[in-house]
Amino acid sequence: MRGQASAIFILGVNLIGFGLGPSIIAFFTDFIFSDDFALPYSMAMTALLIVPPSMIAFWRCLGAYRLHLSESNQWR
């Protein structure tokens, strides 16, 4: 069961990372900046949009991670 959960998680991360990441950068380059040489700015803008939701998700999951970590330490 743990392997299947890991596989689904990795599938989701890859679909989002490899699917949406380059598309968002291309969208910013083509439609927001309208300049092929604005690629660094598009990458920076994508990072600015992706990092805050990622940090929020991390902080929300940290409590459950700590709980499971303390439970797993009891098994040792």
C-alpha atoms as a PDB file:
ATOM      1  CA  MET A   1       0.000   0.000   0.000  1.00  0.00           C
ATOM      2  CA  ARG A   2       2.848   2.359   0.813  1.00  0.00           C
ATOM      3  CA  GLY A   3       4.427   1.709  -2.579  1.00  0.00           C
ATOM      4  CA  GLN A   4       1.197   2.505  -4.389  1.00  0.00           C
ATOM      5  CA  ALA A   5       0.796   5.746  -2.437  1.00  0.00           C
ATOM      6  CA  SER A   6       4.369   6.715  -3.282  1.00  0.00           C
ATOM      7  CA  ALA A   7       3.805   5.896  -6.950  1.00  0.00           C
ATOM      8  CA  ILE A   8       0.666   8.037  -7.092  1.00  0.00           C
ATOM      9  CA  PHE A   9       2.466  10.898  -5.353  1.00  0.00           C
ATOM     10  CA  ILE A  10       5.419  10.729  -7.730  1.00  0.00           C
ATOM     11  CA  LEU A  11       3.065  10.543 -10.715  1.00  0.00           C
ATOM     12  CA  GLY A  12       1.274  13.676  -9.555  1.00  0.00           C
ATOM     13  CA  VAL A  13       4.499  15.563  -8.918  1.00  0.00           C
ATOM     14  CA  ASN A  14       5.849  14.597 -12.344  1.00  0.00           C
ATOM     15  CA  LEU A  15       2.643  15.520 -14.154  1.00  0.00           C
ATOM     16  CA  ILE A  16       2.536  18.912 -12.480  1.00  0.00           C
ATOM     17  CA  GLY A  17       6.271  19.558 -12.628  1.00  0.00           C
ATOM     18  CA  PHE A  18       6.954  18.371 -16.151  1.00  0.00           C
ATOM     19  CA  GLY A  19       3.539  19.248 -17.564  1.00  0.00           C
ATOM     20  CA  LEU A  20       2.575  22.571 -16.074  1.00  0.00           C
ATOM     21  CA  GLY A  21       6.007  24.000 -15.263  1.00  0.00           C
ATOM     22  CA  PRO A  22       7.273  24.509 -18.808  1.00  0.00           C
ATOM     23  CA  SER A  23       3.806  25.538 -19.990  1.00  0.00           C
ATOM     24  CA  ILE A  24       3.546  28.272 -17.368  1.00  0.00           C
ATOM     25  CA  ILE A  25       7.004  29.574 -18.249  1.00  0.00           C
ATOM     26  CA  ALA A  26       6.098  29.584 -21.948  1.00  0.00           C
ATOM     27  CA  PHE A  27       2.816  31.374 -21.184  1.00  0.00           C
ATOM     28  CA  PHE A  28       4.628  34.124 -19.288  1.00  0.00           C
ATOM     29  CA  THR A  29       7.283  34.451 -21.983  1.00  0.00           C
ATOM     30  CA  ASP A  30       4.788  34.639 -24.856  1.00  0.00           C
ATOM     31  CA  PHE A  31       1.787  36.450 -23.426  1.00  0.00           C
ATOM     32  CA  ILE A  32       2.959  38.460 -20.433  1.00  0.00           C
ATOM     33  CA  PHE A  33       6.408  39.634 -21.518  1.00  0.00           C
ATOM     34  CA  SER A  34       6.039  39.121 -25.309  1.00  0.00           C
ATOM     35  CA  ASP A  35       9.794  38.749 -25.611  1.00  0.00           C
ATOM     36  CA  ASP A  36      11.798  35.584 -26.235  1.00  0.00           C
ATOM     37  CA  PHE A  37      14.706  36.994 -24.259  1.00  0.00           C
ATOM     38  CA  ALA A  38      12.571  37.431 -21.117  1.00  0.00           C
ATOM     39  CA  LEU A  39      12.974  33.784 -20.186  1.00  0.00           C
ATOM     40  CA  PRO A  40      14.793  34.522 -16.885  1.00  0.00           C
ATOM     41  CA  TYR A  41      11.963  36.842 -15.850  1.00  0.00           C
ATOM     42  CA  SER A  42       9.388  34.220 -16.769  1.00  0.00           C
ATOM     43  CA  MET A  43      11.192  31.632 -14.685  1.00  0.00           C
ATOM     44  CA  ALA A  44      11.422  34.029 -11.742  1.00  0.00           C
ATOM     45  CA  MET A  45       7.727  34.906 -11.999  1.00  0.00           C
ATOM     46  CA  THR A  46       6.808  31.213 -12.118  1.00  0.00           C
ATOM     47  CA  ALA A  47       8.884  30.588  -9.004  1.00  0.00           C
ATOM     48  CA  LEU A  48       7.195  33.515  -7.254  1.00  0.00           C
ATOM     49  CA  LEU A  49       3.804  32.007  -8.026  1.00  0.00           C
ATOM     50  CA  ILE A  50       4.671  28.404  -7.155  1.00  0.00           C
ATOM     51  CA  VAL A  51       6.683  28.858  -3.945  1.00  0.00           C
ATOM     52  CA  PRO A  52       3.967  30.422  -1.686  1.00  0.00           C
ATOM     53  CA  PRO A  53       1.369  27.643  -2.247  1.00  0.00           C
ATOM     54  CA  SER A  54       4.133  25.064  -1.840  1.00  0.00           C
ATOM     55  CA  MET A  55       5.173  26.592   1.477  1.00  0.00           C
ATOM     56  CA  ILE A  56       1.575  26.683   2.681  1.00  0.00           C
ATOM     57  CA  ALA A  57       1.117  23.021   1.773  1.00  0.00           C
ATOM     58  CA  PHE A  58       4.386  22.174   3.529  1.00  0.00           C
ATOM     59  CA  TRP A  59       3.404  23.952   6.743  1.00  0.00           C
ATOM     60  CA  ARG A  60      -0.056  22.380   6.742  1.00  0.00           C
ATOM     61  CA  CYS A  61       1.389  18.877   6.363  1.00  0.00           C
ATOM     62  CA  LEU A  62       4.175  19.366   8.891  1.00  0.00           C
ATOM     63  CA  GLY A  63       1.936  18.568  11.871  1.00  0.00           C
ATOM     64  CA  ALA A  64       0.855  15.227  10.432  1.00  0.00           C
ATOM     65  CA  TYR A  65       4.468  14.450   9.537  1.00  0.00           C
ATOM     66  CA  ARG A  66       5.603  15.126  13.103  1.00  0.00           C
ATOM     67  CA  LEU A  67       2.802  12.945  14.471  1.00  0.00           C
ATOM     68  CA  HIS A  68       3.732  10.015  12.230  1.00  0.00           C
ATOM     69  CA  LEU A  69       7.415  10.524  12.971  1.00  0.00           C
ATOM     70  CA  SER A  70       6.814  10.288  16.715  1.00  0.00           C
ATOM     71  CA  GLU A  71       4.675   7.176  16.193  1.00  0.00           C
ATOM     72  CA  SER A  72       7.388   5.536  14.104  1.00  0.00           C
ATOM     73  CA  ASN A  73      10.014   6.293  16.754  1.00  0.00           C
ATOM     74  CA  GLN A  74       7.961   4.320  19.272  1.00  0.00           C
ATOM     75  CA  TRP A  75       8.351   1.178  17.145  1.00  0.00           C
ATOM     76  CA  ARG A  76      12.120   1.162  17.445  1.00  0.00           C
END
